[in-house]
Amino acid sequence: MKNLFITLVVLGIIGIVACQSGQDTDAQEEPQATPQTKETTSYNIEDSVKVIGKKAAMTTFKALSAEVIRAIRDGGPQHAIKYCNVRANPLVDSVSKSLGVKIARVSHKRRNPANSANAYERELIKRYIEQLKAGEKPSPVVVNVDTGYIFYAPIVIEKPLCLTCHGVVGRELSPELHEFIKQHYPTDSAYNFRMGDLRGLWKIFVPKEKVS
């Protein structure tokens, strides 16, 4: 039962942790996609960027998960939230450097203000939301910027446990946890999501030399 409890809490807190991955973009900012940015048309380049992007997203998720589990064992769920508030960004930076990319997550309903989607990303999110409403499965896209490519992948809420930290307040998201999150993210808007909703985007900048 103890292991099951830890697993449930980890899956809920991962939503909080992952939303911080782009917090320090001012210190190491990648080129921004804009509505005028062209999506790639070369299959070979796009395929290579997608492989790199998917690997970066999975590696980041696994690394953050391990940190959350360790923090929970050290001091419980609230300790994990506070710990990852400080440690998540350095960890994401470390994964970014090891893979030679820049990893972040963005959203139209962000927890951390630094993870707010820009104009192009909001349009992409709108497109993905429309596809989901039509019963279609949104796919990753790659956009070409001056010094490389940006890999975007949709983040869709597909498991009920994701709603532990992002669901409807008073239903999946308890008022107590909601208030605790607000203490760390006063302008949080990353809640009242439902199953099947688009949570946001993985945003991974891949330099041209990685695929040239």
C-alpha atoms as a PDB file:
ATOM      1  CA  MET A   1       0.000   0.000   0.000  1.00  0.00           C
ATOM      2  CA  LYS A   2       2.873   2.355   0.786  1.00  0.00           C
ATOM      3  CA  ASN A   3       4.416   1.822  -2.647  1.00  0.00           C
ATOM      4  CA  LEU A   4       1.042   2.366  -4.297  1.00  0.00           C
ATOM      5  CA  PHE A   5       0.572   5.638  -2.416  1.00  0.00           C
ATOM      6  CA  ILE A   6       4.007   6.873  -3.488  1.00  0.00           C
ATOM      7  CA  THR A   7       3.233   5.986  -7.116  1.00  0.00           C
ATOM      8  CA  LEU A   8      -0.077   7.874  -7.045  1.00  0.00           C
ATOM      9  CA  VAL A   9       1.463  10.967  -5.505  1.00  0.00           C
ATOM     10  CA  VAL A  10       4.418  10.931  -7.906  1.00  0.00           C
ATOM     11  CA  LEU A  11       2.167  10.905 -10.950  1.00  0.00           C
ATOM     12  CA  GLY A  12       0.213  13.828  -9.559  1.00  0.00           C
ATOM     13  CA  ILE A  13       3.252  15.899  -8.633  1.00  0.00           C
ATOM     14  CA  ILE A  14       4.986  15.299 -11.972  1.00  0.00           C
ATOM     15  CA  GLY A  15       2.517  17.766 -13.451  1.00  0.00           C
ATOM     16  CA  ILE A  16       3.786  20.442 -11.063  1.00  0.00           C
ATOM     17  CA  VAL A  17       7.438  19.630 -11.669  1.00  0.00           C
ATOM     18  CA  ALA A  18       7.288  19.487 -15.448  1.00  0.00           C
ATOM     19  CA  CYS A  19       5.611  22.881 -15.670  1.00  0.00           C
ATOM     20  CA  GLN A  20       8.787  24.494 -14.378  1.00  0.00           C
ATOM     21  CA  SER A  21      11.135  23.221 -17.036  1.00  0.00           C
ATOM     22  CA  GLY A  22      11.334  26.529 -18.893  1.00  0.00           C
ATOM     23  CA  GLN A  23      11.592  28.809 -15.877  1.00  0.00           C
ATOM     24  CA  ASP A  24      15.082  30.122 -16.552  1.00  0.00           C
ATOM     25  CA  THR A  25      14.768  30.796 -20.277  1.00  0.00           C
ATOM     26  CA  ASP A  26      16.114  34.326 -19.819  1.00  0.00           C
ATOM     27  CA  ALA A  27      19.507  32.876 -18.966  1.00  0.00           C
ATOM     28  CA  GLN A  28      19.671  30.528 -21.965  1.00  0.00           C
ATOM     29  CA  GLU A  29      16.944  31.472 -24.393  1.00  0.00           C
ATOM     30  CA  GLU A  30      16.440  29.662 -27.682  1.00  0.00           C
ATOM     31  CA  PRO A  31      15.108  31.403 -30.805  1.00  0.00           C
ATOM     32  CA  GLN A  32      11.351  31.874 -30.616  1.00  0.00           C
ATOM     33  CA  ALA A  33       8.948  30.455 -33.164  1.00  0.00           C
ATOM     34  CA  THR A  34       6.523  33.045 -34.475  1.00  0.00           C
ATOM     35  CA  PRO A  35       3.390  32.861 -36.633  1.00  0.00           C
ATOM     36  CA  GLN A  36       5.670  33.560 -39.609  1.00  0.00           C
ATOM     37  CA  THR A  37       8.041  30.710 -38.760  1.00  0.00           C
ATOM     38  CA  LYS A  38       8.003  28.020 -41.444  1.00  0.00           C
ATOM     39  CA  GLU A  39       7.366  24.433 -40.498  1.00  0.00           C
ATOM     40  CA  THR A  40       9.930  22.121 -42.070  1.00  0.00           C
ATOM     41  CA  THR A  41       9.178  20.366 -45.349  1.00  0.00           C
ATOM     42  CA  SER A  42      12.232  18.118 -45.526  1.00  0.00           C
ATOM     43  CA  TYR A  43      11.292  14.635 -44.310  1.00  0.00           C
ATOM     44  CA  ASN A  44      14.873  13.694 -43.429  1.00  0.00           C
ATOM     45  CA  ILE A  45      15.460  16.760 -41.262  1.00  0.00           C
ATOM     46  CA  GLU A  46      12.028  16.605 -39.653  1.00  0.00           C
ATOM     47  CA  ASP A  47      12.399  12.924 -38.867  1.00  0.00           C
ATOM     48  CA  SER A  48      15.823  13.462 -37.282  1.00  0.00           C
ATOM     49  CA  VAL A  49      14.605  16.387 -35.168  1.00  0.00           C
ATOM     50  CA  LYS A  50      11.595  14.379 -33.992  1.00  0.00           C
ATOM     51  CA  VAL A  51      13.817  11.502 -32.881  1.00  0.00           C
ATOM     52  CA  ILE A  52      15.990  13.911 -30.898  1.00  0.00           C
ATOM     53  CA  GLY A  53      12.977  15.745 -29.475  1.00  0.00           C
ATOM     54  CA  LYS A  54      11.186  12.599 -28.332  1.00  0.00           C
ATOM     55  CA  LYS A  55      14.346  11.303 -26.679  1.00  0.00           C
ATOM     56  CA  ALA A  56      14.860  14.614 -24.864  1.00  0.00           C
ATOM     57  CA  ALA A  57      11.265  14.671 -23.608  1.00  0.00           C
ATOM     58  CA  MET A  58      11.443  11.099 -22.298  1.00  0.00           C
ATOM     59  CA  THR A  59      14.858  11.582 -20.699  1.00  0.00           C
ATOM     60  CA  THR A  60      13.642  14.711 -18.928  1.00  0.00           C
ATOM     61  CA  PHE A  61      10.495  13.003 -17.664  1.00  0.00           C
ATOM     62  CA  LYS A  62      12.468  10.067 -16.257  1.00  0.00           C
ATOM     63  CA  ALA A  63      15.006  12.331 -14.543  1.00  0.00           C
ATOM     64  CA  LEU A  64      12.304  14.484 -12.940  1.00  0.00           C
ATOM     65  CA  SER A  65      10.385  11.389 -11.839  1.00  0.00           C
ATOM     66  CA  ALA A  66      13.429  10.038 -10.023  1.00  0.00           C
ATOM     67  CA  GLU A  67      13.918  13.358  -8.205  1.00  0.00           C
ATOM     68  CA  VAL A  68      10.265  13.476  -7.151  1.00  0.00           C
ATOM     69  CA  ILE A  69      10.356   9.932  -5.770  1.00  0.00           C
ATOM     70  CA  ARG A  70      13.479  10.732  -3.771  1.00  0.00           C
ATOM     71  CA  ALA A  71      11.965  13.937  -2.393  1.00  0.00           C
ATOM     72  CA  ILE A  72       8.750  12.170  -1.362  1.00  0.00           C
ATOM     73  CA  ARG A  73      10.702   9.523   0.492  1.00  0.00           C
ATOM     74  CA  ASP A  74      12.695  12.232   2.247  1.00  0.00           C
ATOM     75  CA  GLY A  75       9.786  14.380   3.422  1.00  0.00           C
ATOM     76  CA  GLY A  76       6.442  13.658   1.772  1.00  0.00           C
ATOM     77  CA  PRO A  77       4.471  15.261  -1.089  1.00  0.00           C
ATOM     78  CA  GLN A  78       4.661  18.889   0.045  1.00  0.00           C
ATOM     79  CA  HIS A  79       8.402  18.574   0.537  1.00  0.00           C
ATOM     80  CA  ALA A  80       8.630  17.214  -3.004  1.00  0.00           C
ATOM     81  CA  ILE A  81       6.766  20.217  -4.395  1.00  0.00           C
ATOM     82  CA  LYS A  82       9.056  22.663  -2.578  1.00  0.00           C
ATOM     83  CA  TYR A  83      12.175  20.682  -3.435  1.00  0.00           C
ATOM     84  CA  CYS A  84      11.376  20.472  -7.129  1.00  0.00           C
ATOM     85  CA  ASN A  85      10.495  24.157  -7.198  1.00  0.00           C
ATOM     86  CA  VAL A  86      14.188  24.752  -6.587  1.00  0.00           C
ATOM     87  CA  ARG A  87      15.808  21.717  -8.195  1.00  0.00           C
ATOM     88  CA  ALA A  88      13.762  21.101 -11.355  1.00  0.00           C
ATOM     89  CA  ASN A  89      15.343  23.834 -13.460  1.00  0.00           C
ATOM     90  CA  PRO A  90      18.978  22.859 -12.781  1.00  0.00           C
ATOM     91  CA  LEU A  91      18.057  19.254 -13.558  1.00  0.00           C
ATOM     92  CA  VAL A  92      16.387  20.182 -16.856  1.00  0.00           C
ATOM     93  CA  ASP A  93      19.384  22.351 -17.737  1.00  0.00           C
ATOM     94  CA  SER A  94      21.674  19.403 -17.045  1.00  0.00           C
ATOM     95  CA  VAL A  95      19.660  17.115 -19.345  1.00  0.00           C
ATOM     96  CA  SER A  96      19.571  19.847 -22.011  1.00  0.00           C
ATOM     97  CA  LYS A  97      23.352  20.237 -21.932  1.00  0.00           C
ATOM     98  CA  SER A  98      23.992  16.497 -21.974  1.00  0.00           C
ATOM     99  CA  LEU A  99      21.825  16.095 -25.088  1.00  0.00           C
ATOM    100  CA  GLY A 100      22.911  19.324 -26.761  1.00  0.00           C
ATOM    101  CA  VAL A 101      19.383  20.773 -26.867  1.00  0.00           C
ATOM    102  CA  LYS A 102      17.218  23.220 -24.882  1.00  0.00           C
ATOM    103  CA  ILE A 103      14.202  21.655 -23.173  1.00  0.00           C
ATOM    104  CA  ALA A 104      11.080  23.435 -21.954  1.00  0.00           C
ATOM    105  CA  ARG A 105       7.315  23.124 -21.694  1.00  0.00           C
ATOM    106  CA  VAL A 106       4.804  25.841 -22.538  1.00  0.00           C
ATOM    107  CA  SER A 107       1.080  26.201 -22.088  1.00  0.00           C
ATOM    108  CA  HIS A 108      -1.919  28.441 -22.656  1.00  0.00           C
ATOM    109  CA  LYS A 109      -2.820  27.683 -19.018  1.00  0.00           C
ATOM    110  CA  ARG A 110       0.533  27.734 -17.271  1.00  0.00           C
ATOM    111  CA  ARG A 111       1.549  27.144 -13.696  1.00  0.00           C
ATOM    112  CA  ASN A 112       4.767  29.129 -13.963  1.00  0.00           C
ATOM    113  CA  PRO A 113       4.524  32.482 -15.835  1.00  0.00           C
ATOM    114  CA  ALA A 114       7.811  31.678 -17.608  1.00  0.00           C
ATOM    115  CA  ASN A 115       6.046  28.791 -19.342  1.00  0.00           C
ATOM    116  CA  SER A 116       3.494  30.997 -21.106  1.00  0.00           C
ATOM    117  CA  ALA A 117       3.030  30.133 -24.782  1.00  0.00           C
ATOM    118  CA  ASN A 118       4.011  32.771 -27.338  1.00  0.00           C
ATOM    119  CA  ALA A 119       1.884  33.809 -30.323  1.00  0.00           C
ATOM    120  CA  TYR A 120       2.915  30.918 -32.595  1.00  0.00           C
ATOM    121  CA  GLU A 121       2.547  28.400 -29.788  1.00  0.00           C
ATOM    122  CA  ARG A 122      -0.943  29.637 -28.918  1.00  0.00           C
ATOM    123  CA  GLU A 123      -1.952  29.140 -32.562  1.00  0.00           C
ATOM    124  CA  LEU A 124      -0.483  25.625 -32.509  1.00  0.00           C
ATOM    125  CA  ILE A 125      -2.293  24.870 -29.254  1.00  0.00           C
ATOM    126  CA  LYS A 126      -5.542  26.127 -30.806  1.00  0.00           C
ATOM    127  CA  ARG A 127      -4.988  23.823 -33.797  1.00  0.00           C
ATOM    128  CA  TYR A 128      -4.328  20.861 -31.522  1.00  0.00           C
ATOM    129  CA  ILE A 129      -7.436  21.580 -29.449  1.00  0.00           C
ATOM    130  CA  GLU A 130      -9.557  21.669 -32.609  1.00  0.00           C
ATOM    131  CA  GLN A 131      -8.053  18.372 -33.756  1.00  0.00           C
ATOM    132  CA  LEU A 132      -8.831  16.748 -30.416  1.00  0.00           C
ATOM    133  CA  LYS A 133     -12.416  17.989 -30.537  1.00  0.00           C
ATOM    134  CA  ALA A 134     -12.724  16.463 -34.007  1.00  0.00           C
ATOM    135  CA  GLY A 135     -11.498  13.120 -32.690  1.00  0.00           C
ATOM    136  CA  GLU A 136      -8.121  13.419 -34.401  1.00  0.00           C
ATOM    137  CA  LYS A 137      -4.758  12.624 -32.853  1.00  0.00           C
ATOM    138  CA  PRO A 138      -2.416  15.663 -32.930  1.00  0.00           C
ATOM    139  CA  SER A 139       1.137  14.982 -34.050  1.00  0.00           C
ATOM    140  CA  PRO A 140       4.458  16.694 -33.243  1.00  0.00           C
ATOM    141  CA  VAL A 141       5.658  19.447 -35.559  1.00  0.00           C
ATOM    142  CA  VAL A 142       9.071  20.888 -36.296  1.00  0.00           C
ATOM    143  CA  VAL A 143       9.668  24.541 -37.133  1.00  0.00           C
ATOM    144  CA  ASN A 144      12.746  26.020 -38.736  1.00  0.00           C
ATOM    145  CA  VAL A 145      14.358  29.002 -36.974  1.00  0.00           C
ATOM    146  CA  ASP A 146      17.588  30.878 -37.676  1.00  0.00           C
ATOM    147  CA  THR A 147      19.997  28.659 -35.752  1.00  0.00           C
ATOM    148  CA  GLY A 148      18.129  25.367 -35.624  1.00  0.00           C
ATOM    149  CA  TYR A 149      14.751  23.727 -35.194  1.00  0.00           C
ATOM    150  CA  ILE A 150      12.092  23.682 -32.517  1.00  0.00           C
ATOM    151  CA  PHE A 151      10.334  20.390 -31.843  1.00  0.00           C
ATOM    152  CA  TYR A 152       6.803  20.765 -30.500  1.00  0.00           C
ATOM    153  CA  ALA A 153       4.781  17.831 -29.193  1.00  0.00           C
ATOM    154  CA  PRO A 154       1.278  17.944 -27.706  1.00  0.00           C
ATOM    155  CA  ILE A 155       0.778  17.070 -24.051  1.00  0.00           C
ATOM    156  CA  VAL A 156      -2.671  15.543 -23.674  1.00  0.00           C
ATOM    157  CA  ILE A 157      -4.195  14.553 -20.342  1.00  0.00           C
ATOM    158  CA  GLU A 158      -4.786  10.840 -20.814  1.00  0.00           C
ATOM    159  CA  LYS A 159      -4.622   9.487 -17.252  1.00  0.00           C
ATOM    160  CA  PRO A 160      -6.931  10.408 -14.360  1.00  0.00           C
ATOM    161  CA  LEU A 161      -3.955  10.821 -12.030  1.00  0.00           C
ATOM    162  CA  CYS A 162      -2.786  13.834 -14.068  1.00  0.00           C
ATOM    163  CA  LEU A 163      -5.856  15.617 -12.746  1.00  0.00           C
ATOM    164  CA  THR A 164      -4.584  15.302  -9.179  1.00  0.00           C
ATOM    165  CA  CYS A 165      -2.754  18.594  -9.672  1.00  0.00           C
ATOM    166  CA  HIS A 166      -4.485  19.938 -12.794  1.00  0.00           C
ATOM    167  CA  GLY A 167      -8.111  18.840 -12.498  1.00  0.00           C
ATOM    168  CA  VAL A 168     -11.267  20.620 -11.424  1.00  0.00           C
ATOM    169  CA  VAL A 169     -10.832  22.256  -8.023  1.00  0.00           C
ATOM    170  CA  GLY A 170     -12.976  20.537  -5.442  1.00  0.00           C
ATOM    171  CA  ARG A 171     -13.232  17.399  -7.514  1.00  0.00           C
ATOM    172  CA  GLU A 172      -9.933  15.860  -8.681  1.00  0.00           C
ATOM    173  CA  LEU A 173      -7.790  18.704  -7.314  1.00  0.00           C
ATOM    174  CA  SER A 174      -8.395  19.058  -3.591  1.00  0.00           C
ATOM    175  CA  PRO A 175      -8.857  22.612  -2.229  1.00  0.00           C
ATOM    176  CA  GLU A 176      -6.013  21.988   0.237  1.00  0.00           C
ATOM    177  CA  LEU A 177      -3.505  21.013  -2.458  1.00  0.00           C
ATOM    178  CA  HIS A 178      -4.761  23.821  -4.679  1.00  0.00           C
ATOM    179  CA  GLU A 179      -4.054  26.365  -1.939  1.00  0.00           C
ATOM    180  CA  PHE A 180      -0.615  24.864  -1.329  1.00  0.00           C
ATOM    181  CA  ILE A 181       0.221  25.165  -5.030  1.00  0.00           C
ATOM    182  CA  LYS A 182      -1.002  28.779  -5.007  1.00  0.00           C
ATOM    183  CA  GLN A 183       1.513  29.566  -2.277  1.00  0.00           C
ATOM    184  CA  HIS A 184       4.321  28.653  -4.671  1.00  0.00           C
ATOM    185  CA  TYR A 185       2.650  29.815  -7.916  1.00  0.00           C
ATOM    186  CA  PRO A 186       0.348  32.769  -7.069  1.00  0.00           C
ATOM    187  CA  THR A 187      -0.732  33.287 -10.698  1.00  0.00           C
ATOM    188  CA  ASP A 188      -1.281  29.595 -11.440  1.00  0.00           C
ATOM    189  CA  SER A 189      -3.902  28.884 -14.100  1.00  0.00           C
ATOM    190  CA  ALA A 190      -3.005  25.235 -14.775  1.00  0.00           C
ATOM    191  CA  TYR A 191      -6.125  23.667 -13.307  1.00  0.00           C
ATOM    192  CA  ASN A 192      -9.742  22.822 -14.208  1.00  0.00           C
ATOM    193  CA  PHE A 193      -8.498  20.525 -16.953  1.00  0.00           C
ATOM    194  CA  ARG A 194     -10.473  17.422 -17.884  1.00  0.00           C
ATOM    195  CA  MET A 195      -9.582  14.069 -19.400  1.00  0.00           C
ATOM    196  CA  GLY A 196      -8.544  14.439 -23.030  1.00  0.00           C
ATOM    197  CA  ASP A 197      -7.722  18.144 -22.736  1.00  0.00           C
ATOM    198  CA  LEU A 198      -4.523  19.584 -24.165  1.00  0.00           C
ATOM    199  CA  ARG A 199      -2.263  20.440 -21.237  1.00  0.00           C
ATOM    200  CA  GLY A 200       0.411  22.222 -23.264  1.00  0.00           C
ATOM    201  CA  LEU A 201       3.446  21.537 -25.438  1.00  0.00           C
ATOM    202  CA  TRP A 202       6.885  20.073 -25.154  1.00  0.00           C
ATOM    203  CA  LYS A 203       9.212  22.664 -26.672  1.00  0.00           C
ATOM    204  CA  ILE A 204      12.699  21.440 -27.528  1.00  0.00           C
ATOM    205  CA  PHE A 205      15.211  23.533 -29.450  1.00  0.00           C
ATOM    206  CA  VAL A 206      17.630  21.461 -31.554  1.00  0.00           C
ATOM    207  CA  PRO A 207      20.677  23.291 -33.024  1.00  0.00           C
ATOM    208  CA  LYS A 208      21.293  22.795 -36.735  1.00  0.00           C
ATOM    209  CA  GLU A 209      24.619  21.090 -36.120  1.00  0.00           C
ATOM    210  CA  LYS A 210      22.782  18.270 -34.336  1.00  0.00           C
ATOM    211  CA  VAL A 211      21.032  17.276 -37.571  1.00  0.00           C
ATOM    212  CA  SER A 212      23.392  18.556 -40.263  1.00  0.00           C
END
